[in-house]
Protein backbone atom coordinates (compact mmCIF):
# COMPACT_ATOMS: atom_id res chain seq x y z
CA MET A 1 158.79 -123.59 131.97
CA THR A 2 159.87 -121.31 135.24
CA LYS A 3 159.86 -117.80 135.06
CA GLY A 4 163.81 -117.48 135.33
CA ASP A 5 164.24 -120.10 132.45
CA LEU A 6 165.79 -117.72 129.47
CA SER A 7 167.07 -120.82 127.28
CA PRO A 8 165.94 -120.50 123.40
CA LYS A 9 163.74 -123.34 124.04
CA GLY A 10 161.96 -121.59 126.97
CA VAL A 11 161.47 -118.50 125.16
CA THR A 12 160.20 -120.62 122.24
CA LEU A 13 157.88 -122.36 124.45
CA GLU A 14 156.90 -118.76 125.61
CA ARG A 15 155.74 -117.51 122.43
CA ILE A 16 153.79 -120.33 121.43
CA SER A 17 151.92 -120.16 124.86
CA ARG A 18 151.05 -116.73 123.53
CA VAL A 19 148.93 -117.56 120.70
CA GLU A 20 145.62 -116.27 121.02
CA ARG A 21 142.52 -118.05 120.40
CA GLN A 22 139.10 -117.00 119.81
CA ASN A 23 136.16 -119.69 119.91
CA ASN A 24 138.79 -122.11 119.85
CA LYS A 25 140.26 -121.23 116.70
CA LEU A 26 143.77 -119.70 115.57
CA GLN A 27 143.95 -115.65 115.16
CA PRO A 28 146.54 -114.51 112.50
CA ILE A 29 149.46 -112.98 113.90
CA SER A 30 150.24 -109.05 112.60
CA GLY A 31 152.94 -107.09 113.64
CA VAL A 32 156.08 -109.54 113.79
CA LYS A 33 158.82 -108.89 111.58
CA MET A 34 160.80 -111.02 110.35
CA THR A 35 164.11 -111.42 108.11
CA ILE A 36 164.92 -113.78 105.35
CA ARG A 37 168.52 -113.64 104.27
CA LEU A 38 168.55 -114.41 100.65
CA MET A 39 171.32 -114.45 98.23
CA GLU A 40 171.74 -111.88 95.60
CA ASN A 41 170.26 -112.85 92.14
CA LYS A 42 169.44 -116.55 93.04
CA THR A 43 165.77 -117.69 93.61
CA VAL A 44 164.54 -120.63 95.60
CA SER A 45 162.53 -123.35 94.15
CA LYS A 46 161.90 -126.63 94.71
CA ARG A 47 159.31 -128.93 92.64
CA PRO A 48 156.33 -130.10 94.51
CA TYR A 49 156.42 -133.27 96.38
CA PRO A 50 153.88 -136.31 94.95
CA ILE A 51 150.79 -136.42 96.88
CA PRO A 52 149.34 -140.32 96.77
CA LEU A 53 146.01 -140.28 95.39
CA LYS A 54 143.99 -141.80 98.44
CA LEU A 55 145.43 -138.50 100.32
CA GLN A 56 144.38 -135.87 97.73
CA GLU A 57 140.77 -135.14 98.77
CA ALA A 58 141.66 -135.02 102.19
CA LEU A 59 144.37 -132.63 102.04
CA ASN A 60 142.09 -130.45 99.73
CA GLU A 61 139.79 -130.50 102.63
CA GLU A 62 142.40 -129.50 104.92
CA ILE A 63 143.64 -126.58 102.81
CA GLN A 64 140.34 -125.58 102.12
CA ARG A 65 139.64 -125.33 106.17
CA LEU A 66 142.77 -123.72 106.64
CA LEU A 67 141.86 -121.19 104.14
CA SER A 68 138.73 -120.43 105.69
CA GLU A 69 140.26 -119.64 109.06
CA TRP A 70 142.89 -117.53 107.69
CA ILE A 71 145.44 -120.00 108.87
CA ILE A 72 147.12 -119.48 105.66
CA ARG A 73 146.35 -117.56 102.50
CA LYS A 74 146.58 -117.78 98.66
CA ALA A 75 149.73 -116.19 97.37
CA GLN A 76 150.53 -114.24 94.25
CA CYS A 77 152.89 -115.84 92.04
CA THR A 78 156.29 -115.74 93.18
CA ASP A 79 159.90 -117.03 92.65
CA TYR A 80 160.25 -118.46 96.04
CA ILE A 81 158.21 -121.86 96.41
CA SER A 82 158.59 -124.31 99.23
CA PRO A 83 156.65 -127.51 98.82
CA ALA A 84 154.21 -128.71 101.01
CA TYR A 85 153.01 -132.46 102.02
CA PRO A 86 150.13 -134.07 104.09
CA ILE A 87 151.32 -135.91 106.99
CA VAL A 88 148.63 -138.34 108.58
CA LYS A 89 148.44 -138.21 112.70
CA LYS A 90 147.62 -141.09 114.53
CA ASN A 91 143.89 -139.77 114.78
CA GLY A 92 143.70 -140.40 111.00
CA LYS A 93 143.34 -136.45 110.50
CA ILE A 94 145.82 -134.88 107.91
CA LYS A 95 148.38 -132.13 108.86
CA LEU A 96 149.90 -129.91 106.21
CA ASP A 97 153.53 -129.44 106.55
CA ALA A 98 155.81 -127.12 104.32
CA ASP A 99 159.78 -127.90 103.62
CA TYR A 100 161.37 -124.45 103.81
């Protein structure tokens, strides 16, 4: 991305490059405001995706890692649910993805 590149993609890349790491770990982001537009009197809820048995242990370990590094946190009960599912990367590690 060049300094003069103001395309949406360029702006996104610039924002991503600003994610700060400390001791090679992602840090929580604070002070960022988001607007989520919802339909009045309508909740968004999807049932969970099935997880293959052979991936459950690795997925649980990845979730615990993400929790311990404060990348994710436990949520209180909510009417708005987006299911998450594992993706196996080329190196065999698990990546957690959410379907919004």
